[in-house]
Amino acid sequence: CTCSFLDTDRALVLLEEYCKKLKKPEEQQLKNAIRKVMGIFKSSLFQALLGSFTKKATRHGAVSHPSLPAAVVYDVLGCPKD
């Protein structure tokens, strides 16, 4: 299922937009942490695990919600869900 990969891309876009807003010196630690999360989302290991999870969940009929990466970003950043 490609929806999880698209949701991961959307999560990365949201995180990047949020990082651009972090300009104060005291926000740099948060910005660095978000960049680390972005690196994890982009990693081939994460993408492989996400693909495996999606296949298993789809097989069991458990995929009826947004992917984990997008859901986490929405919750952490307080973004409205579509």
Protein backbone atom coordinates (compact mmCIF):
# COMPACT_ATOMS: atom_id res chain seq x y z
CA CYS A 1 0.00 0.00 0.00
CA THR A 2 1.50 3.35 -1.01
CA CYS A 3 -0.75 5.42 1.25
CA SER A 4 1.67 5.01 4.18
CA PHE A 5 4.59 6.25 2.10
CA LEU A 6 2.53 9.24 0.96
CA ASP A 7 1.56 9.93 4.57
CA THR A 8 5.23 9.77 5.52
CA ASP A 9 5.99 12.31 2.81
CA ARG A 10 3.23 14.53 4.14
CA ALA A 11 4.60 14.20 7.67
CA LEU A 12 8.03 15.22 6.39
CA VAL A 13 6.57 18.29 4.68
CA LEU A 14 4.75 19.29 7.88
CA LEU A 15 7.88 18.82 9.95
CA GLU A 16 9.95 20.86 7.49
CA GLU A 17 7.40 23.69 7.55
CA TYR A 18 7.41 23.64 11.35
CA CYS A 19 11.23 23.70 11.46
CA LYS A 20 11.26 26.82 9.30
CA LYS A 21 9.23 28.60 12.00
CA LEU A 22 11.76 27.75 14.72
CA LYS A 23 14.13 30.72 14.67
CA LYS A 24 14.72 31.61 18.32
CA PRO A 25 17.94 30.39 19.95
CA GLU A 26 15.98 28.49 22.61
CA GLU A 27 14.13 26.59 19.83
CA GLN A 28 17.28 25.19 18.23
CA GLN A 29 17.33 22.07 20.41
CA LEU A 30 13.76 21.28 19.31
CA LYS A 31 14.68 22.00 15.69
CA ASN A 32 17.62 19.58 15.91
CA ALA A 33 15.41 16.89 17.45
CA ILE A 34 12.82 17.32 14.68
CA ARG A 35 15.55 17.07 12.05
CA LYS A 36 16.66 13.77 13.63
CA VAL A 37 13.08 12.46 13.41
CA MET A 38 12.96 13.56 9.78
CA GLY A 39 16.16 11.61 9.13
CA ILE A 40 14.59 8.53 10.68
CA PHE A 41 11.45 8.90 8.53
CA LYS A 42 13.68 9.13 5.44
CA SER A 43 15.80 6.11 6.34
CA SER A 44 15.51 2.93 4.34
CA LEU A 45 15.10 0.91 7.56
CA PHE A 46 12.08 2.98 8.63
CA GLN A 47 10.55 2.73 5.15
CA ALA A 48 11.05 -1.05 5.15
CA LEU A 49 9.49 -1.41 8.60
CA LEU A 50 6.58 0.82 7.62
CA GLY A 51 6.02 -1.24 4.48
CA SER A 52 6.07 -4.46 6.50
CA PHE A 53 3.67 -3.03 9.09
CA THR A 54 1.30 -1.78 6.39
CA LYS A 55 1.25 -5.14 4.62
CA LYS A 56 0.49 -7.01 7.83
CA ALA A 57 -2.15 -4.52 8.96
CA THR A 58 -3.80 -4.52 5.55
CA ARG A 59 -3.87 -8.31 5.53
CA HIS A 60 -5.64 -8.27 8.90
CA GLY A 61 -8.02 -5.46 7.93
CA ALA A 62 -6.56 -3.09 10.50
CA VAL A 63 -5.68 -0.16 8.24
CA SER A 64 -8.54 2.29 8.45
CA HIS A 65 -6.66 5.26 9.91
CA PRO A 66 -3.83 7.55 8.79
CA SER A 67 -0.33 6.13 8.89
CA LEU A 68 1.65 6.40 12.07
CA PRO A 69 4.08 9.10 10.82
CA ALA A 70 1.33 11.50 9.77
CA ALA A 71 -0.73 10.81 12.89
CA VAL A 72 2.25 11.51 15.14
CA VAL A 73 3.04 14.77 13.37
CA TYR A 74 -0.58 15.90 13.54
CA ASP A 75 -0.70 15.17 17.26
CA VAL A 76 2.68 16.69 18.13
CA LEU A 77 2.23 19.84 16.06
CA GLY A 78 -1.47 20.19 16.81
CA CYS A 79 -2.37 20.19 13.12
CA PRO A 80 -5.97 19.63 12.12
CA LYS A 81 -6.57 16.25 10.52
CA ASP A 82 -8.10 16.25 7.03
